[in-house]
């Protein structure tokens, strides 16, 4: 155990100076590809196309698609073949945000410092834009097979897992639990359930999808799954912390918005300091899950864990 910790620290030290640049490069790569994945030769109504483009290209960390490319890269796989799947998960994530912001859900006016979709295009078009992004995501995944030669069985597994992790047993279920929780969350494990499904499930999918394209073994897929759940929960707790202490300009939303809207968070249950300690614990457990799983470039996964723990927005 002590030797493994020394290996983790050494890899982190070597990668610390370059990992932020790696994330920026991969995010920029996704930014350049996303608009092409919405191009259609059909006569799509222009307001719908504009609404979809507005939210999809509104910025953000592009964490989930970066995780797809990173997992594939960590195995020495062909990251070009992973690009359509990376775009697909960003579409799924974006559709969920468009719907979350609606008056019937969170009723938010701002997203990433800009007016939310329904404030610009109206509620009906925002709903349809979310529907369009959701279905276009599955089209994108098929392009990994048609354009890049990914085995059909691999694409089939990715489609199956996307339906699982993004659907009623995953992200959608987490969102439903979040809405029901507004009536009063009284236990920490209820909040953890919401975070694991609303946030972690899409991160787990992203890592597993990139892993499958990169040729991951079953052991490596399981390592990515454990890593993803730990990382996703740490990411969401860090979000809870930043809502209390973060910079509004960096966050793109008013500080303390969770408290004002009556949302229960980790700092509410266990306080800021213990929340910080929980982020550190989960980050270390995420790194331990993949440290000895035979990845060609484990420093990418280790670097991502530290990068997210130290983020300020």
Protein backbone atom coordinates (compact mmCIF):
# COMPACT_ATOMS: atom_id res chain seq x y z
CA UNK A 1 0.00 0.00 0.00
CA UNK A 2 2.78 2.44 0.92
CA UNK A 3 4.62 1.69 -2.33
CA UNK A 4 1.45 2.30 -4.37
CA UNK A 5 0.97 5.70 -2.70
CA UNK A 6 4.55 6.66 -3.65
CA UNK A 7 3.81 5.72 -7.27
CA UNK A 8 0.66 7.85 -7.28
CA UNK A 9 2.50 10.85 -5.84
CA UNK A 10 5.35 10.49 -8.34
CA UNK A 11 3.02 10.37 -11.35
CA UNK A 12 1.04 13.35 -10.07
CA UNK A 13 4.23 15.34 -9.59
CA UNK A 14 5.36 14.60 -13.13
CA UNK A 15 2.00 15.49 -14.68
CA UNK A 16 0.97 18.47 -12.54
CA UNK A 17 2.54 21.09 -14.77
CA UNK A 18 1.00 19.88 -18.02
CA UNK A 19 -2.38 18.41 -17.15
CA UNK A 20 -4.36 21.67 -17.18
CA UNK A 21 -3.07 22.24 -20.71
CA UNK A 22 -4.13 18.72 -21.68
CA UNK A 23 -7.70 19.40 -20.49
CA UNK A 24 -7.81 22.71 -22.37
CA UNK A 25 -6.55 21.09 -25.56
CA UNK A 26 -9.09 18.29 -25.42
CA UNK A 27 -11.92 20.70 -24.57
CA UNK A 28 -10.94 22.90 -27.53
CA UNK A 29 -10.90 19.81 -29.71
CA UNK A 30 -14.47 19.02 -28.67
CA UNK A 31 -15.53 22.64 -29.27
CA UNK A 32 -14.32 22.42 -32.86
CA UNK A 33 -16.15 19.16 -33.57
CA UNK A 34 -19.52 19.73 -31.85
CA UNK A 35 -21.06 22.08 -34.46
CA UNK A 36 -20.31 19.58 -37.24
CA UNK A 37 -22.21 16.88 -35.35
CA UNK A 38 -25.35 19.04 -35.52
CA UNK A 39 -25.10 19.68 -39.26
CA UNK A 40 -28.05 18.20 -41.09
CA UNK A 41 -28.86 17.82 -44.78
CA UNK A 42 -32.54 17.78 -43.87
CA UNK A 43 -34.68 20.90 -43.77
CA UNK A 44 -34.68 21.35 -39.99
CA UNK A 45 -36.71 24.35 -38.73
CA UNK A 46 -34.21 27.16 -38.16
CA UNK A 47 -35.44 28.15 -34.64
CA UNK A 48 -34.89 24.55 -33.49
CA UNK A 49 -31.37 24.44 -34.94
CA UNK A 50 -30.52 27.80 -33.37
CA UNK A 51 -31.87 26.73 -29.98
CA UNK A 52 -29.83 23.51 -30.03
CA UNK A 53 -26.67 25.33 -31.10
CA UNK A 54 -27.20 28.05 -28.47
CA UNK A 55 -26.99 25.70 -25.51
CA UNK A 56 -24.56 23.19 -26.97
CA UNK A 57 -22.03 25.91 -27.77
CA UNK A 58 -22.55 27.96 -24.59
CA UNK A 59 -19.20 26.90 -23.14
CA UNK A 60 -18.59 24.93 -19.99
CA UNK A 61 -15.85 22.61 -18.80
CA UNK A 62 -16.63 19.84 -21.35
CA UNK A 63 -15.70 17.42 -18.57
CA UNK A 64 -17.65 14.43 -19.83
CA UNK A 65 -16.38 14.44 -23.43
CA UNK A 66 -12.86 15.06 -22.17
CA UNK A 67 -13.28 11.96 -19.98
CA UNK A 68 -14.22 9.93 -23.08
CA UNK A 69 -11.08 11.01 -24.93
CA UNK A 70 -8.90 10.71 -21.82
CA UNK A 71 -10.01 7.16 -21.00
CA UNK A 72 -9.34 6.08 -24.57
CA UNK A 73 -5.98 7.86 -24.57
CA UNK A 74 -4.99 6.30 -21.23
CA UNK A 75 -5.21 2.89 -22.94
CA UNK A 76 -3.29 3.96 -26.02
CA UNK A 77 -6.46 3.85 -28.14
CA UNK A 78 -7.51 5.81 -31.22
CA UNK A 79 -9.03 8.99 -29.78
CA UNK A 80 -10.33 10.11 -33.19
CA UNK A 81 -12.66 7.12 -33.13
CA UNK A 82 -13.88 8.28 -29.71
CA UNK A 83 -14.75 11.82 -30.87
CA UNK A 84 -18.36 11.09 -31.96
CA UNK A 85 -19.09 9.44 -28.61
CA UNK A 86 -17.50 12.39 -26.80
CA UNK A 87 -19.86 14.71 -28.70
CA UNK A 88 -22.80 12.44 -27.89
CA UNK A 89 -22.30 12.67 -24.14
CA UNK A 90 -21.98 16.44 -24.31
CA UNK A 91 -25.32 16.55 -26.12
CA UNK A 92 -26.90 14.40 -23.42
CA UNK A 93 -25.45 16.61 -20.70
CA UNK A 94 -26.58 19.78 -22.48
CA UNK A 95 -30.12 18.52 -23.01
CA UNK A 96 -30.37 17.74 -19.30
CA UNK A 97 -29.30 21.30 -18.43
CA UNK A 98 -31.80 22.84 -20.86
CA UNK A 99 -34.61 20.86 -19.26
CA UNK A 100 -33.32 21.43 -15.71
CA UNK A 101 -33.49 25.19 -16.24
CA UNK A 102 -37.16 25.18 -17.26
CA UNK A 103 -39.75 26.84 -14.99
CA UNK A 104 -41.28 23.44 -14.20
CA UNK A 105 -37.89 22.21 -12.93
CA UNK A 106 -35.27 24.56 -11.41
CA UNK A 107 -36.65 27.75 -13.02
CA UNK A 108 -33.23 29.30 -13.66
CA UNK A 109 -32.63 32.50 -15.63
CA UNK A 110 -28.87 32.07 -16.12
CA UNK A 111 -26.63 29.22 -17.22
CA UNK A 112 -22.87 29.81 -17.47
CA UNK A 113 -23.45 33.54 -17.19
CA UNK A 114 -25.87 33.64 -20.14
CA UNK A 115 -29.69 33.62 -20.34
CA UNK A 116 -31.06 30.10 -20.21
CA UNK A 117 -32.44 28.57 -23.39
CA UNK A 118 -36.11 29.12 -22.61
CA UNK A 119 -35.45 32.79 -21.86
CA UNK A 120 -34.25 33.24 -25.44
CA UNK A 121 -36.34 30.76 -27.44
CA UNK A 122 -39.35 30.11 -25.21
CA UNK A 123 -40.29 27.05 -23.19
CA UNK A 124 -41.69 24.97 -26.05
CA UNK A 125 -38.62 25.37 -28.25
CA UNK A 126 -36.31 24.72 -25.28
CA UNK A 127 -38.09 21.41 -24.64
CA UNK A 128 -37.78 20.47 -28.31
CA UNK A 129 -34.10 21.50 -28.37
CA UNK A 130 -33.46 19.15 -25.45
CA UNK A 131 -35.35 16.38 -27.23
CA UNK A 132 -33.30 17.00 -30.39
CA UNK A 133 -29.99 16.86 -28.54
CA UNK A 134 -30.96 13.66 -26.75
CA UNK A 135 -31.83 11.80 -29.95
CA UNK A 136 -28.93 13.25 -31.96
CA UNK A 137 -26.57 11.76 -29.37
CA UNK A 138 -27.46 8.22 -30.40
CA UNK A 139 -26.91 9.12 -34.06
CA UNK A 140 -23.42 10.36 -33.13
CA UNK A 141 -22.47 7.08 -31.46
CA UNK A 142 -23.28 5.12 -34.60
CA UNK A 143 -20.86 7.35 -36.51
CA UNK A 144 -18.00 5.84 -34.50
CA UNK A 145 -18.70 2.59 -36.31
CA UNK A 146 -19.56 4.01 -39.72
CA UNK A 147 -16.74 6.57 -39.93
CA UNK A 148 -13.97 5.18 -37.74
CA UNK A 149 -14.35 1.42 -37.85
CA UNK A 150 -15.27 0.88 -34.21
CA UNK A 151 -16.60 -2.67 -33.90
CA UNK A 152 -20.40 -2.80 -34.07
CA UNK A 153 -20.47 -4.83 -30.84
CA UNK A 154 -18.54 -2.07 -29.08
CA UNK A 155 -20.95 0.61 -30.34
CA UNK A 156 -23.88 -1.58 -29.31
CA UNK A 157 -22.50 -1.83 -25.77
CA UNK A 158 -21.98 1.94 -25.67
CA UNK A 159 -25.57 2.59 -26.81
CA UNK A 160 -26.86 0.15 -24.20
CA UNK A 161 -24.85 1.80 -21.44
CA UNK A 162 -25.86 5.30 -22.48
CA UNK A 163 -29.52 4.32 -22.16
CA UNK A 164 -28.72 2.83 -18.75
CA UNK A 165 -26.62 5.64 -17.29
CA UNK A 166 -28.60 8.52 -18.78
CA UNK A 167 -32.10 7.09 -18.33
CA UNK A 168 -34.53 6.31 -15.55
CA UNK A 169 -32.00 4.18 -13.66
CA UNK A 170 -29.31 6.83 -14.04
CA UNK A 171 -29.29 10.57 -14.61
CA UNK A 172 -33.05 10.95 -15.12
CA UNK A 173 -33.69 8.96 -11.95
CA UNK A 174 -31.25 11.20 -10.10
CA UNK A 175 -33.05 14.29 -11.38
CA UNK A 176 -36.39 12.86 -10.26
CA UNK A 177 -34.95 12.16 -6.80
CA UNK A 178 -33.61 15.73 -6.72
CA UNK A 179 -37.05 17.15 -7.45
CA UNK A 180 -38.69 14.93 -4.86
CA UNK A 181 -35.95 15.92 -2.44
CA UNK A 182 -37.11 19.52 -2.58
CA UNK A 183 -39.90 18.34 -0.32
CA UNK A 184 -37.23 17.68 2.32
CA UNK A 185 -34.02 15.64 2.39
CA UNK A 186 -33.36 14.49 5.93
CA UNK A 187 -30.46 12.04 5.47
CA UNK A 188 -27.05 12.34 3.85
CA UNK A 189 -27.44 9.08 1.94
CA UNK A 190 -30.45 10.57 0.13
CA UNK A 191 -28.26 13.42 -1.10
CA UNK A 192 -25.50 10.99 -2.05
CA UNK A 193 -27.99 9.00 -4.13
CA UNK A 194 -28.90 12.16 -6.05
CA UNK A 195 -25.27 13.10 -6.68
CA UNK A 196 -24.27 9.58 -7.73
CA UNK A 197 -27.04 9.33 -10.30
CA UNK A 198 -27.49 12.94 -11.40
CA UNK A 199 -23.75 13.58 -11.79
CA UNK A 200 -21.59 10.46 -11.42
CA UNK A 201 -23.52 8.22 -13.81
CA UNK A 202 -22.68 10.29 -16.91
CA UNK A 203 -19.03 10.53 -15.86
CA UNK A 204 -18.93 6.74 -15.40
CA UNK A 205 -20.51 6.27 -18.82
CA UNK A 206 -17.97 8.64 -20.40
CA UNK A 207 -15.03 6.75 -18.94
CA UNK A 208 -16.41 3.32 -19.81
CA UNK A 209 -17.27 4.40 -23.37
CA UNK A 210 -13.77 5.78 -23.94
CA UNK A 211 -12.36 2.67 -22.32
CA UNK A 212 -14.32 0.36 -24.62
CA UNK A 213 -13.11 2.19 -27.73
CA UNK A 214 -9.56 2.06 -26.33
CA UNK A 215 -9.76 -1.72 -25.87
CA UNK A 216 -10.15 -1.89 -22.07
CA UNK A 217 -10.26 -5.26 -20.36
CA UNK A 218 -13.11 -6.11 -17.98
CA UNK A 219 -10.76 -5.35 -15.07
CA UNK A 220 -9.96 -1.94 -16.52
CA UNK A 221 -13.64 -1.19 -17.17
CA UNK A 222 -14.38 -1.98 -13.53
CA UNK A 223 -11.49 0.24 -12.43
CA UNK A 224 -12.88 3.06 -14.58
CA UNK A 225 -16.32 2.52 -13.05
CA UNK A 226 -15.04 2.79 -9.47
CA UNK A 227 -12.87 5.75 -10.43
CA UNK A 228 -15.82 7.47 -12.11
CA UNK A 229 -18.21 7.11 -9.20
CA UNK A 230 -15.63 8.44 -6.73
CA UNK A 231 -14.64 11.24 -9.08
CA UNK A 232 -18.22 12.21 -9.85
CA UNK A 233 -19.22 12.41 -6.20
CA UNK A 234 -16.11 14.44 -5.37
CA UNK A 235 -16.90 16.74 -8.31
CA UNK A 236 -20.43 17.39 -7.07
CA UNK A 237 -19.38 17.97 -3.46
CA UNK A 238 -16.81 20.46 -4.76
CA UNK A 239 -19.68 22.16 -6.63
CA UNK A 240 -21.57 22.37 -3.32
CA UNK A 241 -18.52 23.94 -1.69
CA UNK A 242 -18.00 26.44 -4.50
CA UNK A 243 -21.65 27.51 -4.27
CA UNK A 244 -20.81 28.74 -0.77
CA UNK A 245 -17.32 30.20 -1.25
CA UNK A 246 -16.79 30.50 -5.03
CA UNK A 247 -16.41 33.58 -7.19
CA UNK A 248 -19.66 34.52 -8.98
CA UNK A 249 -17.86 35.63 -12.15
CA UNK A 250 -16.11 32.26 -12.36
CA UNK A 251 -19.20 30.22 -11.47
CA UNK A 252 -21.48 31.98 -13.96
CA UNK A 253 -24.29 32.11 -11.39
CA UNK A 254 -24.97 33.92 -8.09
CA UNK A 255 -23.02 32.60 -5.11
CA UNK A 256 -25.26 30.90 -2.57
CA UNK A 257 -27.91 30.05 -5.16
CA UNK A 258 -28.40 26.57 -3.69
CA UNK A 259 -29.17 27.95 -0.25
CA UNK A 260 -31.50 30.61 -1.65
CA UNK A 261 -33.44 28.01 -3.61
CA UNK A 262 -33.70 25.76 -0.56
CA UNK A 263 -31.43 22.98 -1.88
CA UNK A 264 -29.77 20.74 0.67
CA UNK A 265 -26.02 20.28 0.06
CA UNK A 266 -23.04 18.53 1.62
CA UNK A 267 -21.90 21.69 3.50
CA UNK A 268 -25.43 21.90 4.94
CA UNK A 269 -25.15 18.37 6.35
CA UNK A 270 -21.51 18.12 7.40
CA UNK A 271 -20.04 21.64 7.13
CA UNK A 272 -17.44 23.15 4.81
CA UNK A 273 -14.32 21.64 6.35
CA UNK A 274 -15.66 18.09 6.45
CA UNK A 275 -16.92 18.55 2.89
CA UNK A 276 -13.39 19.48 1.80
CA UNK A 277 -12.03 16.40 3.56
CA UNK A 278 -14.63 14.25 1.81
CA UNK A 279 -13.50 15.59 -1.57
CA UNK A 280 -9.89 14.72 -0.71
CA UNK A 281 -10.83 11.23 0.49
CA UNK A 282 -12.87 10.43 -2.61
CA UNK A 283 -10.13 11.78 -4.86
CA UNK A 284 -7.53 9.51 -3.28
CA UNK A 285 -9.86 6.51 -3.55
CA UNK A 286 -10.49 7.32 -7.23
CA UNK A 287 -6.76 7.38 -7.92
CA UNK A 288 -6.19 4.15 -6.01
CA UNK A 289 -8.80 2.40 -8.16
CA UNK A 290 -6.82 2.84 -11.37
CA UNK A 291 -3.22 3.02 -10.09
CA UNK A 292 -2.41 -0.66 -10.75
CA UNK A 293 -4.97 -1.57 -13.41
CA UNK A 294 -2.51 -1.71 -16.32
CA UNK A 295 -3.29 1.58 -18.07
CA UNK A 296 -0.60 2.73 -20.52
CA UNK A 297 -0.97 6.34 -19.38
CA UNK A 298 -2.37 6.26 -15.82
CA UNK A 299 -1.04 9.78 -15.28
CA UNK A 300 -3.98 11.12 -17.30
CA UNK A 301 -6.56 9.63 -14.95
CA UNK A 302 -4.54 10.53 -11.87
CA UNK A 303 -4.07 14.07 -13.15
CA UNK A 304 -7.79 14.53 -13.81
CA UNK A 305 -8.64 13.56 -10.23
CA UNK A 306 -6.29 16.19 -8.78
CA UNK A 307 -7.31 18.77 -11.37
CA UNK A 308 -10.98 18.52 -10.42
CA UNK A 309 -10.26 18.56 -6.69
CA UNK A 310 -8.39 21.86 -7.02
CA UNK A 311 -10.75 23.63 -9.44
CA UNK A 312 -12.31 26.97 -8.50
CA UNK A 313 -15.33 26.93 -10.81
